[in-house]
PDB file of N, CA and C in Angstrom:
ATOM      1  N   MET A   1     -17.898  15.488 -11.129  1.00  0.00           N
ATOM      2  CA  MET A   1     -16.505  15.694 -11.195  1.00  0.00           C
ATOM      3  C   MET A   1     -15.698  14.467 -11.038  1.00  0.00           C
ATOM      4  N   ILE A   2     -14.577  14.542 -11.725  1.00  0.00           N
ATOM      5  CA  ILE A   2     -13.708  13.363 -11.689  1.00  0.00           C
ATOM      6  C   ILE A   2     -12.982  13.195 -10.439  1.00  0.00           C
ATOM      7  N   ARG A   3     -12.859  12.068  -9.888  1.00  0.00           N
ATOM      8  CA  ARG A   3     -12.225  11.657  -8.630  1.00  0.00           C
ATOM      9  C   ARG A   3     -10.693  11.720  -8.810  1.00  0.00           C
ATOM     10  N   VAL A   4      -9.972  11.958  -7.725  1.00  0.00           N
ATOM     11  CA  VAL A   4      -8.539  12.021  -7.918  1.00  0.00           C
ATOM     12  C   VAL A   4      -7.971  10.654  -8.300  1.00  0.00           C
ATOM     13  N   ASN A   5      -8.528   9.558  -7.649  1.00  0.00           N
ATOM     14  CA  ASN A   5      -8.062   8.274  -8.039  1.00  0.00           C
ATOM     15  C   ASN A   5      -8.189   8.055  -9.600  1.00  0.00           C
ATOM     16  N   ASP A   6      -9.303   8.485 -10.133  1.00  0.00           N
ATOM     17  CA  ASP A   6      -9.527   8.292 -11.553  1.00  0.00           C
ATOM     18  C   ASP A   6      -8.467   9.135 -12.358  1.00  0.00           C
ATOM     19  N   LEU A   7      -8.232  10.343 -11.949  1.00  0.00           N
ATOM     20  CA  LEU A   7      -7.208  11.138 -12.642  1.00  0.00           C
ATOM     21  C   LEU A   7      -5.829  10.515 -12.491  1.00  0.00           C
ATOM     22  N   GLU A   8      -5.552   9.991 -11.305  1.00  0.00           N
ATOM     23  CA  GLU A   8      -4.222   9.381 -11.154  1.00  0.00           C
ATOM     24  C   GLU A   8      -4.088   8.122 -12.080  1.00  0.00           C
ATOM     25  N   GLU A   9      -5.080   7.279 -12.162  1.00  0.00           N
ATOM     26  CA  GLU A   9      -5.067   6.171 -13.049  1.00  0.00           C
ATOM     27  C   GLU A   9      -4.879   6.608 -14.476  1.00  0.00           C
ATOM     28  N   ARG A  10      -5.663   7.590 -14.916  1.00  0.00           N
ATOM     29  CA  ARG A  10      -5.592   7.982 -16.304  1.00  0.00           C
ATOM     30  C   ARG A  10      -4.308   8.591 -16.696  1.00  0.00           C
ATOM     31  N   ILE A  11      -3.623   9.377 -15.751  1.00  0.00           N
ATOM     32  CA  ILE A  11      -2.311   9.912 -16.008  1.00  0.00           C
ATOM     33  C   ILE A  11      -1.263   8.825 -16.088  1.00  0.00           C
ATOM     34  N   ARG A  12      -1.401   7.818 -15.192  1.00  0.00           N
ATOM     35  CA  ARG A  12      -0.425   6.657 -15.280  1.00  0.00           C
ATOM     36  C   ARG A  12      -0.586   5.977 -16.579  1.00  0.00           C
ATOM     37  N   GLU A  13      -1.803   5.834 -17.115  1.00  0.00           N
ATOM     38  CA  GLU A  13      -2.054   5.191 -18.381  1.00  0.00           C
ATOM     39  C   GLU A  13      -1.381   5.941 -19.503  1.00  0.00           C
ATOM     40  N   ILE A  14      -1.610   7.314 -19.440  1.00  0.00           N
ATOM     41  CA  ILE A  14      -0.960   8.224 -20.463  1.00  0.00           C
ATOM     42  C   ILE A  14       0.614   8.029 -20.343  1.00  0.00           C
ATOM     43  N   LEU A  15       1.152   8.157 -19.128  1.00  0.00           N
ATOM     44  CA  LEU A  15       2.605   8.006 -19.006  1.00  0.00           C
ATOM     45  C   LEU A  15       3.148   6.748 -19.584  1.00  0.00           C
ATOM     46  N   ALA A  16       2.415   5.646 -19.324  1.00  0.00           N
ATOM     47  CA  ALA A  16       2.809   4.380 -19.798  1.00  0.00           C
ATOM     48  C   ALA A  16       2.707   4.274 -21.333  1.00  0.00           C
ATOM     49  N   ASN A  17       1.776   5.014 -21.932  1.00  0.00           N
ATOM     50  CA  ASN A  17       1.579   4.966 -23.377  1.00  0.00           C
ATOM     51  C   ASN A  17       2.648   5.738 -24.094  1.00  0.00           C
ATOM     52  N   VAL A  18       3.099   6.908 -23.519  1.00  0.00           N
ATOM     53  CA  VAL A  18       3.970   7.723 -24.164  1.00  0.00           C
ATOM     54  C   VAL A  18       5.442   7.486 -23.897  1.00  0.00           C
ATOM     55  N   SER A  19       5.753   6.761 -22.790  1.00  0.00           N
ATOM     56  CA  SER A  19       7.148   6.406 -22.511  1.00  0.00           C
ATOM     57  C   SER A  19       7.594   5.225 -23.387  1.00  0.00           C
ATOM     58  N   ASP A  20       8.841   5.171 -23.577  1.00  0.00           N
ATOM     59  CA  ASP A  20       9.494   4.084 -24.219  1.00  0.00           C
ATOM     60  C   ASP A  20      10.022   3.057 -23.364  1.00  0.00           C
ATOM     61  N   ASP A  21       9.193   2.722 -22.408  1.00  0.00           N
ATOM     62  CA  ASP A  21       9.607   1.753 -21.307  1.00  0.00           C
ATOM     63  C   ASP A  21      10.613   2.188 -20.438  1.00  0.00           C
ATOM     64  N   SER A  22      10.946   3.538 -20.568  1.00  0.00           N
ATOM     65  CA  SER A  22      12.068   4.118 -19.669  1.00  0.00           C
ATOM     66  C   SER A  22      11.353   4.482 -18.355  1.00  0.00           C
ATOM     67  N   ILE A  23      10.020   4.545 -18.307  1.00  0.00           N
ATOM     68  CA  ILE A  23       9.335   4.886 -16.981  1.00  0.00           C
ATOM     69  C   ILE A  23       8.286   3.759 -16.728  1.00  0.00           C
ATOM     70  N   ASN A  24       8.449   3.263 -15.528  1.00  0.00           N
ATOM     71  CA  ASN A  24       7.293   2.301 -15.113  1.00  0.00           C
ATOM     72  C   ASN A  24       6.366   3.113 -14.363  1.00  0.00           C
ATOM     73  N   ALA A  25       5.289   3.541 -15.030  1.00  0.00           N
ATOM     74  CA  ALA A  25       4.316   4.489 -14.541  1.00  0.00           C
ATOM     75  C   ALA A  25       3.624   3.995 -13.259  1.00  0.00           C
ATOM     76  N   GLN A  26       3.448   2.689 -13.090  1.00  0.00           N
ATOM     77  CA  GLN A  26       2.775   2.144 -11.971  1.00  0.00           C
ATOM     78  C   GLN A  26       3.549   2.271 -10.735  1.00  0.00           C
ATOM     79  N   ASN A  27       4.871   2.392 -10.886  1.00  0.00           N
ATOM     80  CA  ASN A  27       5.706   2.394  -9.654  1.00  0.00           C
ATOM     81  C   ASN A  27       6.283   3.784  -9.336  1.00  0.00           C
ATOM     82  N   ILE A  28       5.665   4.809  -9.939  1.00  0.00           N
ATOM     83  CA  ILE A  28       6.126   6.160  -9.711  1.00  0.00           C
ATOM     84  C   ILE A  28       5.251   6.671  -8.524  1.00  0.00           C
ATOM     85  N   ASN A  29       5.884   7.306  -7.517  1.00  0.00           N
ATOM     86  CA  ASN A  29       5.159   7.961  -6.457  1.00  0.00           C
ATOM     87  C   ASN A  29       4.523   9.236  -6.957  1.00  0.00           C
ATOM     88  N   LEU A  30       3.389   9.610  -6.323  1.00  0.00           N
ATOM     89  CA  LEU A  30       2.663  10.687  -6.802  1.00  0.00           C
ATOM     90  C   LEU A  30       3.389  11.959  -6.831  1.00  0.00           C
ATOM     91  N   ASP A  31       4.352  12.173  -5.965  1.00  0.00           N
ATOM     92  CA  ASP A  31       5.188  13.400  -5.891  1.00  0.00           C
ATOM     93  C   ASP A  31       6.602  13.242  -6.446  1.00  0.00           C
ATOM     94  N   GLU A  32       6.762  12.072  -7.030  1.00  0.00           N
ATOM     95  CA  GLU A  32       8.144  11.807  -7.526  1.00  0.00           C
ATOM     96  C   GLU A  32       8.351  12.699  -8.810  1.00  0.00           C
ATOM     97  N   ASN A  33       9.526  13.280  -8.895  1.00  0.00           N
ATOM     98  CA  ASN A  33       9.872  14.117 -10.080  1.00  0.00           C
ATOM     99  C   ASN A  33       9.962  13.175 -11.312  1.00  0.00           C
ATOM    100  N   LEU A  34       9.111  13.394 -12.307  1.00  0.00           N
ATOM    101  CA  LEU A  34       9.059  12.498 -13.441  1.00  0.00           C
ATOM    102  C   LEU A  34      10.361  12.753 -14.294  1.00  0.00           C
ATOM    103  N   PHE A  35      10.868  14.020 -14.352  1.00  0.00           N
ATOM    104  CA  PHE A  35      12.074  14.189 -15.072  1.00  0.00           C
ATOM    105  C   PHE A  35      13.300  13.489 -14.507  1.00  0.00           C
ATOM    106  N   GLU A  36      13.346  13.390 -13.227  1.00  0.00           N
ATOM    107  CA  GLU A  36      14.452  12.636 -12.623  1.00  0.00           C
ATOM    108  C   GLU A  36      14.297  11.146 -12.808  1.00  0.00           C
ATOM    109  N   ALA A  37      12.994  10.713 -13.104  1.00  0.00           N
ATOM    110  CA  ALA A  37      12.712   9.288 -13.380  1.00  0.00           C
ATOM    111  C   ALA A  37      12.859   8.888 -14.773  1.00  0.00           C
ATOM    112  N   GLY A  38      13.307   9.843 -15.664  1.00  0.00           N
ATOM    113  CA  GLY A  38      13.509   9.448 -17.020  1.00  0.00           C
ATOM    114  C   GLY A  38      12.552  10.208 -18.017  1.00  0.00           C
ATOM    115  N   PHE A  39      11.651  10.926 -17.528  1.00  0.00           N
ATOM    116  CA  PHE A  39      10.619  11.659 -18.346  1.00  0.00           C
ATOM    117  C   PHE A  39      11.423  12.858 -19.055  1.00  0.00           C
ATOM    118  N   ASP A  40      11.155  13.047 -20.373  1.00  0.00           N
ATOM    119  CA  ASP A  40      11.800  14.101 -21.089  1.00  0.00           C
ATOM    120  C   ASP A  40      10.871  15.012 -21.724  1.00  0.00           C
ATOM    121  N   SER A  41      11.275  16.090 -22.437  1.00  0.00           N
ATOM    122  CA  SER A  41      10.373  17.133 -22.906  1.00  0.00           C
ATOM    123  C   SER A  41       9.513  16.612 -24.047  1.00  0.00           C
ATOM    124  N   ILE A  42       9.959  15.617 -24.848  1.00  0.00           N
ATOM    125  CA  ILE A  42       9.120  15.124 -25.784  1.00  0.00           C
ATOM    126  C   ILE A  42       7.943  14.348 -25.196  1.00  0.00           C
ATOM    127  N   MET A  43       8.291  13.572 -24.141  1.00  0.00           N
ATOM    128  CA  MET A  43       7.143  12.858 -23.459  1.00  0.00           C
ATOM    129  C   MET A  43       6.208  13.863 -22.867  1.00  0.00           C
ATOM    130  N   ALA A  44       6.739  14.976 -22.291  1.00  0.00           N
ATOM    131  CA  ALA A  44       5.921  15.955 -21.671  1.00  0.00           C
ATOM    132  C   ALA A  44       4.867  16.526 -22.630  1.00  0.00           C
ATOM    133  N   ILE A  45       5.358  16.847 -23.892  1.00  0.00           N
ATOM    134  CA  ILE A  45       4.447  17.375 -24.847  1.00  0.00           C
ATOM    135  C   ILE A  45       3.419  16.348 -25.176  1.00  0.00           C
ATOM    136  N   LYS A  46       3.743  15.080 -25.371  1.00  0.00           N
ATOM    137  CA  LYS A  46       2.733  14.011 -25.665  1.00  0.00           C
ATOM    138  C   LYS A  46       1.758  13.892 -24.560  1.00  0.00           C
ATOM    139  N   VAL A  47       2.218  13.957 -23.274  1.00  0.00           N
ATOM    140  CA  VAL A  47       1.292  13.801 -22.200  1.00  0.00           C
ATOM    141  C   VAL A  47       0.326  14.990 -22.162  1.00  0.00           C
ATOM    142  N   ILE A  48       0.846  16.183 -22.368  1.00  0.00           N
ATOM    143  CA  ILE A  48      -0.103  17.317 -22.407  1.00  0.00           C
ATOM    144  C   ILE A  48      -1.171  17.271 -23.514  1.00  0.00           C
ATOM    145  N   VAL A  49      -0.673  16.813 -24.657  1.00  0.00           N
ATOM    146  CA  VAL A  49      -1.704  16.609 -25.779  1.00  0.00           C
ATOM    147  C   VAL A  49      -2.752  15.601 -25.365  1.00  0.00           C
ATOM    148  N   LYS A  50      -2.236  14.473 -24.857  1.00  0.00           N
ATOM    149  CA  LYS A  50      -3.247  13.424 -24.449  1.00  0.00           C
ATOM    150  C   LYS A  50      -4.196  13.867 -23.354  1.00  0.00           C
ATOM    151  N   ILE A  51      -3.727  14.618 -22.396  1.00  0.00           N
ATOM    152  CA  ILE A  51      -4.551  15.173 -21.368  1.00  0.00           C
ATOM    153  C   ILE A  51      -5.582  16.111 -21.912  1.00  0.00           C
ATOM    154  N   GLU A  52      -5.101  16.951 -22.828  1.00  0.00           N
ATOM    155  CA  GLU A  52      -6.134  18.008 -23.449  1.00  0.00           C
ATOM    156  C   GLU A  52      -7.205  17.191 -24.239  1.00  0.00           C
ATOM    157  N   GLU A  53      -6.727  16.125 -24.928  1.00  0.00           N
ATOM    158  CA  GLU A  53      -7.763  15.390 -25.753  1.00  0.00           C
ATOM    159  C   GLU A  53      -8.687  14.609 -24.826  1.00  0.00           C
ATOM    160  N   LEU A  54      -8.138  13.955 -23.769  1.00  0.00           N
ATOM    161  CA  LEU A  54      -8.967  13.121 -22.903  1.00  0.00           C
ATOM    162  C   LEU A  54      -9.972  13.906 -22.130  1.00  0.00           C
ATOM    163  N   PHE A  55      -9.597  15.087 -21.585  1.00  0.00           N
ATOM    164  CA  PHE A  55     -10.422  15.819 -20.777  1.00  0.00           C
ATOM    165  C   PHE A  55     -11.095  17.045 -21.512  1.00  0.00           C
ATOM    166  N   ASP A  56     -10.876  17.097 -22.730  1.00  0.00           N
ATOM    167  CA  ASP A  56     -11.424  18.215 -23.593  1.00  0.00           C
ATOM    168  C   ASP A  56     -11.214  19.590 -23.016  1.00  0.00           C
ATOM    169  N   ILE A  57      -9.827  19.815 -22.657  1.00  0.00           N
ATOM    170  CA  ILE A  57      -9.440  21.041 -22.121  1.00  0.00           C
ATOM    171  C   ILE A  57      -8.246  21.619 -22.906  1.00  0.00           C
ATOM    172  N   GLN A  58      -7.968  22.839 -22.776  1.00  0.00           N
ATOM    173  CA  GLN A  58      -6.769  23.506 -23.428  1.00  0.00           C
ATOM    174  C   GLN A  58      -5.930  24.266 -22.382  1.00  0.00           C
ATOM    175  N   PHE A  59      -4.690  24.004 -22.382  1.00  0.00           N
ATOM    176  CA  PHE A  59      -3.798  24.712 -21.406  1.00  0.00           C
ATOM    177  C   PHE A  59      -3.192  25.941 -22.086  1.00  0.00           C
ATOM    178  N   ASP A  60      -3.104  27.019 -21.455  1.00  0.00           N
ATOM    179  CA  ASP A  60      -2.449  28.200 -21.916  1.00  0.00           C
ATOM    180  C   ASP A  60      -0.973  27.948 -21.789  1.00  0.00           C
ATOM    181  N   ASP A  61      -0.166  28.619 -22.618  1.00  0.00           N
ATOM    182  CA  ASP A  61       1.301  28.477 -22.545  1.00  0.00           C
ATOM    183  C   ASP A  61       1.787  28.740 -21.134  1.00  0.00           C
ATOM    184  N   THR A  62       1.214  29.700 -20.432  1.00  0.00           N
ATOM    185  CA  THR A  62       1.673  30.120 -19.079  1.00  0.00           C
ATOM    186  C   THR A  62       1.418  28.943 -18.109  1.00  0.00           C
ATOM    187  N   GLU A  63       0.544  28.070 -18.393  1.00  0.00           N
ATOM    188  CA  GLU A  63       0.236  26.937 -17.545  1.00  0.00           C
ATOM    189  C   GLU A  63       1.237  25.787 -17.723  1.00  0.00           C
ATOM    190  N   LEU A  64       1.992  25.782 -18.815  1.00  0.00           N
ATOM    191  CA  LEU A  64       2.786  24.677 -19.178  1.00  0.00           C
ATOM    192  C   LEU A  64       4.218  24.794 -18.674  1.00  0.00           C
ATOM    193  N   SER A  65       4.341  25.004 -17.422  1.00  0.00           N
ATOM    194  CA  SER A  65       5.645  25.106 -16.738  1.00  0.00           C
ATOM    195  C   SER A  65       6.061  23.688 -16.273  1.00  0.00           C
ATOM    196  N   PHE A  66       7.390  23.520 -16.073  1.00  0.00           N
ATOM    197  CA  PHE A  66       7.849  22.231 -15.624  1.00  0.00           C
ATOM    198  C   PHE A  66       7.199  21.906 -14.214  1.00  0.00           C
ATOM    199  N   GLU A  67       6.986  22.948 -13.447  1.00  0.00           N
ATOM    200  CA  GLU A  67       6.326  22.645 -12.098  1.00  0.00           C
ATOM    201  C   GLU A  67       4.996  22.024 -12.196  1.00  0.00           C
ATOM    202  N   ASN A  68       4.249  22.330 -13.196  1.00  0.00           N
ATOM    203  CA  ASN A  68       2.911  21.845 -13.419  1.00  0.00           C
ATOM    204  C   ASN A  68       2.852  20.420 -13.975  1.00  0.00           C
ATOM    205  N   ILE A  69       4.015  20.009 -14.470  1.00  0.00           N
ATOM    206  CA  ILE A  69       4.042  18.679 -15.129  1.00  0.00           C
ATOM    207  C   ILE A  69       5.170  17.801 -14.582  1.00  0.00           C
ATOM    208  N   GLU A  70       5.741  18.199 -13.483  1.00  0.00           N
ATOM    209  CA  GLU A  70       6.898  17.425 -13.053  1.00  0.00           C
ATOM    210  C   GLU A  70       6.551  16.218 -12.159  1.00  0.00           C
ATOM    211  N   SER A  71       5.266  16.052 -11.719  1.00  0.00           N
ATOM    212  CA  SER A  71       4.860  14.883 -10.969  1.00  0.00           C
ATOM    213  C   SER A  71       3.397  14.576 -11.318  1.00  0.00           C
ATOM    214  N   ILE A  72       2.929  13.463 -10.982  1.00  0.00           N
ATOM    215  CA  ILE A  72       1.509  13.051 -11.157  1.00  0.00           C
ATOM    216  C   ILE A  72       0.657  13.988 -10.370  1.00  0.00           C
ATOM    217  N   ASN A  73       1.073  14.260  -9.158  1.00  0.00           N
ATOM    218  CA  ASN A  73       0.141  15.204  -8.333  1.00  0.00           C
ATOM    219  C   ASN A  73       0.133  16.620  -8.958  1.00  0.00           C
ATOM    220  N   SER A  74       1.221  17.057  -9.468  1.00  0.00           N
ATOM    221  CA  SER A  74       1.173  18.415 -10.070  1.00  0.00           C
ATOM    222  C   SER A  74       0.221  18.499 -11.380  1.00  0.00           C
ATOM    223  N   MET A  75       0.212  17.304 -12.041  1.00  0.00           N
ATOM    224  CA  MET A  75      -0.655  17.194 -13.205  1.00  0.00           C
ATOM    225  C   MET A  75      -2.149  17.072 -12.811  1.00  0.00           C
ATOM    226  N   ILE A  76      -2.384  16.356 -11.683  1.00  0.00           N
ATOM    227  CA  ILE A  76      -3.725  16.275 -11.178  1.00  0.00           C
ATOM    228  C   ILE A  76      -4.229  17.663 -10.757  1.00  0.00           C
ATOM    229  N   SER A  77      -3.361  18.391 -10.138  1.00  0.00           N
ATOM    230  CA  SER A  77      -3.769  19.703  -9.586  1.00  0.00           C
ATOM    231  C   SER A  77      -4.021  20.643 -10.830  1.00  0.00           C
ATOM    232  N   MET A  78      -3.202  20.609 -11.922  1.00  0.00           N
ATOM    233  CA  MET A  78      -3.356  21.390 -13.045  1.00  0.00           C
ATOM    234  C   MET A  78      -4.712  21.076 -13.768  1.00  0.00           C
ATOM    235  N   ILE A  79      -4.959  19.768 -13.856  1.00  0.00           N
ATOM    236  CA  ILE A  79      -6.245  19.403 -14.505  1.00  0.00           C
ATOM    237  C   ILE A  79      -7.426  19.831 -13.744  1.00  0.00           C
ATOM    238  N   TYR A  80      -7.430  19.669 -12.369  1.00  0.00           N
ATOM    239  CA  TYR A  80      -8.560  20.139 -11.563  1.00  0.00           C
ATOM    240  C   TYR A  80      -8.841  21.575 -11.711  1.00  0.00           C
ATOM    241  N   LYS A  81      -7.672  22.465 -11.693  1.00  0.00           N
ATOM    242  CA  LYS A  81      -7.854  23.909 -11.931  1.00  0.00           C
ATOM    243  C   LYS A  81      -8.509  24.197 -13.191  1.00  0.00           C
ATOM    244  N   LYS A  82      -8.213  23.483 -14.223  1.00  0.00           N
ATOM    245  CA  LYS A  82      -8.707  23.674 -15.562  1.00  0.00           C
ATOM    246  C   LYS A  82     -10.226  23.322 -15.618  1.00  0.00           C
ATOM    247  N   ILE A  83     -10.458  22.159 -15.046  1.00  0.00           N
ATOM    248  CA  ILE A  83     -11.894  21.658 -15.043  1.00  0.00           C
ATOM    249  C   ILE A  83     -12.772  22.587 -14.287  1.00  0.00           C
ATOM    250  N   LYS A  84     -12.313  23.184 -13.195  1.00  0.00           N
ATOM    251  CA  LYS A  84     -13.185  24.073 -12.364  1.00  0.00           C
ATOM    252  C   LYS A  84     -13.611  25.280 -13.102  1.00  0.00           C
ATOM    253  N   HIS A  85     -12.819  25.739 -14.046  1.00  0.00           N
ATOM    254  CA  HIS A  85     -13.115  27.038 -14.701  1.00  0.00           C
ATOM    255  C   HIS A  85     -14.018  26.775 -15.855  1.00  0.00           C
TER     256      HIS A  85
END
């Protein structure tokens, strides 16, 4: 199973890759609201696609709420739930 620290690092890498330098992924707190920090819906779609590719998982439409992608911790939780099933 993937460790939380590994997931955090991978999500930060993804955020850094999809942002247009508007987000400094390394300085974002785990529970900080990414949308308040400059994250937008286009970045959210790119992040979801990268997560699905990286972890070889697929999210249902019902799982793709703002609450599940609004912070690094919420993404970690969403990935763990998907990996467990």
